[in-house]
C-alpha atoms as a PDB file:
ATOM      1  CA  MET A   1     162.095 167.105 101.336  1.00  0.00           C
ATOM      2  CA  SER A   2     160.740 167.959  97.205  1.00  0.00           C
ATOM      3  CA  SER A   3     158.244 166.064  95.633  1.00  0.00           C
ATOM      4  CA  VAL A   4     158.170 165.958  91.610  1.00  0.00           C
ATOM      5  CA  THR A   5     155.962 163.671  89.403  1.00  0.00           C
ATOM      6  CA  ILE A   6     155.596 163.826  85.647  1.00  0.00           C
ATOM      7  CA  TYR A   7     153.508 162.717  83.155  1.00  0.00           C
ATOM      8  CA  THR A   8     154.245 160.734  80.758  1.00  0.00           C
ATOM      9  CA  SER A   9     154.168 158.305  77.732  1.00  0.00           C
ATOM     10  CA  SER A  10     156.350 155.473  76.696  1.00  0.00           C
ATOM     11  CA  TYR A  11     156.950 156.469  73.415  1.00  0.00           C
ATOM     12  CA  CYS A  12     157.677 160.228  74.632  1.00  0.00           C
ATOM     13  CA  THR A  13     161.474 161.268  73.649  1.00  0.00           C
ATOM     14  CA  TYR A  14     161.222 164.021  76.148  1.00  0.00           C
ATOM     15  CA  CYS A  15     159.952 161.902  79.192  1.00  0.00           C
ATOM     16  CA  ARG A  16     163.266 159.643  78.928  1.00  0.00           C
ATOM     17  CA  ARG A  17     165.284 163.100  78.442  1.00  0.00           C
ATOM     18  CA  ALA A  18     163.279 165.025  82.010  1.00  0.00           C
ATOM     19  CA  LYS A  19     163.744 161.253  83.322  1.00  0.00           C
ATOM     20  CA  LYS A  20     167.108 161.238  82.899  1.00  0.00           C
ATOM     21  CA  LEU A  21     168.220 164.456  83.721  1.00  0.00           C
ATOM     22  CA  LEU A  22     166.091 163.843  87.460  1.00  0.00           C
ATOM     23  CA  GLU A  23     168.076 160.412  87.579  1.00  0.00           C
ATOM     24  CA  ILE A  24     171.395 162.058  87.233  1.00  0.00           C
ATOM     25  CA  LYS A  25     170.231 164.659  89.684  1.00  0.00           C
ATOM     26  CA  GLN A  26     169.609 161.589  91.854  1.00  0.00           C
ATOM     27  CA  VAL A  27     165.996 162.945  92.402  1.00  0.00           C
ATOM     28  CA  ASP A  28     163.071 160.612  93.823  1.00  0.00           C
ATOM     29  CA  TYR A  29     160.043 161.003  91.282  1.00  0.00           C
ATOM     30  CA  GLU A  30     156.687 159.479  90.609  1.00  0.00           C
ATOM     31  CA  GLU A  31     155.813 158.988  86.532  1.00  0.00           C
ATOM     32  CA  VAL A  32     152.200 157.988  85.846  1.00  0.00           C
ATOM     33  CA  ARG A  33     151.970 156.739  82.067  1.00  0.00           C
ATOM     34  CA  LEU A  34     149.665 158.840  80.571  1.00  0.00           C
ATOM     35  CA  ASP A  35     149.674 156.565  77.660  1.00  0.00           C
ATOM     36  CA  GLU A  36     147.910 153.568  79.785  1.00  0.00           C
ATOM     37  CA  ASP A  37     145.536 155.939  81.058  1.00  0.00           C
ATOM     38  CA  ALA A  38     142.714 158.110  78.593  1.00  0.00           C
ATOM     39  CA  GLU A  39     140.937 159.577  81.042  1.00  0.00           C
ATOM     40  CA  LYS A  40     143.843 160.958  82.939  1.00  0.00           C
ATOM     41  CA  ARG A  41     145.512 162.499  80.205  1.00  0.00           C
ATOM     42  CA  LYS A  42     142.509 163.845  79.051  1.00  0.00           C
ATOM     43  CA  GLU A  43     141.536 165.320  83.019  1.00  0.00           C
ATOM     44  CA  MET A  44     145.591 166.453  83.157  1.00  0.00           C
ATOM     45  CA  VAL A  45     145.159 168.553  78.996  1.00  0.00           C
ATOM     46  CA  GLU A  46     142.239 170.075  80.750  1.00  0.00           C
ATOM     47  CA  LYS A  47     143.551 170.918  83.666  1.00  0.00           C
ATOM     48  CA  LEU A  48     146.777 172.761  82.102  1.00  0.00           C
ATOM     49  CA  ASN A  49     146.119 173.455  78.839  1.00  0.00           C
ATOM     50  CA  TRP A  50     148.957 171.910  77.909  1.00  0.00           C
ATOM     51  CA  ARG A  51     148.176 168.764  75.269  1.00  0.00           C
ATOM     52  CA  THR A  52     151.998 167.201  75.624  1.00  0.00           C
ATOM     53  CA  VAL A  53     153.988 164.926  77.579  1.00  0.00           C
ATOM     54  CA  PRO A  54     156.414 165.321  79.979  1.00  0.00           C
ATOM     55  CA  MET A  55     154.172 167.293  82.316  1.00  0.00           C
ATOM     56  CA  ILE A  56     156.527 167.926  85.092  1.00  0.00           C
ATOM     57  CA  PHE A  57     155.235 168.401  89.000  1.00  0.00           C
ATOM     58  CA  VAL A  58     157.931 169.911  91.504  1.00  0.00           C
ATOM     59  CA  ASN A  59     156.368 170.293  94.631  1.00  0.00           C
ATOM     60  CA  GLU A  60     153.053 170.536  93.336  1.00  0.00           C
ATOM     61  CA  GLN A  61     153.730 173.114  90.844  1.00  0.00           C
ATOM     62  CA  PHE A  62     153.313 173.207  87.615  1.00  0.00           C
ATOM     63  CA  ILE A  63     156.660 173.698  85.692  1.00  0.00           C
ATOM     64  CA  GLY A  64     155.767 172.651  81.835  1.00  0.00           C
ATOM     65  CA  GLY A  65     157.983 169.554  79.844  1.00  0.00           C
ATOM     66  CA  TYR A  66     161.113 169.066  79.423  1.00  0.00           C
ATOM     67  CA  ASP A  67     162.392 172.459  77.346  1.00  0.00           C
ATOM     68  CA  GLN A  68     161.030 174.052  81.114  1.00  0.00           C
ATOM     69  CA  LEU A  69     163.231 171.324  83.099  1.00  0.00           C
ATOM     70  CA  ALA A  70     166.452 171.712  81.164  1.00  0.00           C
ATOM     71  CA  ALA A  71     165.692 175.678  81.352  1.00  0.00           C
ATOM     72  CA  LEU A  72     165.120 175.317  85.013  1.00  0.00           C
ATOM     73  CA  GLU A  73     168.557 173.282  85.370  1.00  0.00           C
ATOM     74  CA  ARG A  74     170.813 176.180  82.652  1.00  0.00           C
ATOM     75  CA  SER A  75     169.885 178.924  85.295  1.00  0.00           C
ATOM     76  CA  GLY A  76     170.306 177.346  88.429  1.00  0.00           C
ATOM     77  CA  GLU A  77     166.741 177.521  89.211  1.00  0.00           C
ATOM     78  CA  LEU A  78     166.270 174.090  89.565  1.00  0.00           C
ATOM     79  CA  ASP A  79     168.556 173.538  92.604  1.00  0.00           C
ATOM     80  CA  SER A  80     166.723 175.855  94.654  1.00  0.00           C
ATOM     81  CA  MET A  81     163.329 174.227  93.919  1.00  0.00           C
ATOM     82  CA  LEU A  82     164.323 170.628  94.604  1.00  0.00           C
ATOM     83  CA  GLY A  83     165.685 172.065  97.794  1.00  0.00           C
ATOM     84  CA  SER A  84     166.539 168.074  99.719  1.00  0.00           C
ATOM     85  CA  ALA A  85     164.960 165.636  97.311  1.00  0.00           C
ATOM     86  CA  ALA A  86     165.744 161.992  98.220  1.00  0.00           C
ATOM     87  CA  PRO A  87     168.669 160.354  96.215  1.00  0.00           C
ATOM     88  CA  GLY A  88     167.161 157.472  94.307  1.00  0.00           C
ATOM     89  CA  ASN A  89     164.150 157.262  91.419  1.00  0.00           C
ATOM     90  CA  SER A  90     160.732 155.471  91.459  1.00  0.00           C
END
């Protein structure tokens, strides 16, 4: 089973789009709200050298933001990455 973690903020349109895409695909994901945890946001920016949300991980591999997620979906690679992800969402 694949694991998906998405780091978001409440005001981010691209975060909502990414979550919607995962929900349409019935992918279970963990959401971490960075607008509620400044220290975690700083840690993630330093770790990834990526300043914007969403920050999306599939099987602990950083894939990027919504644009990268959508590109993986268009190319068909997202289904391969997700494998047998459980239906539903968190």
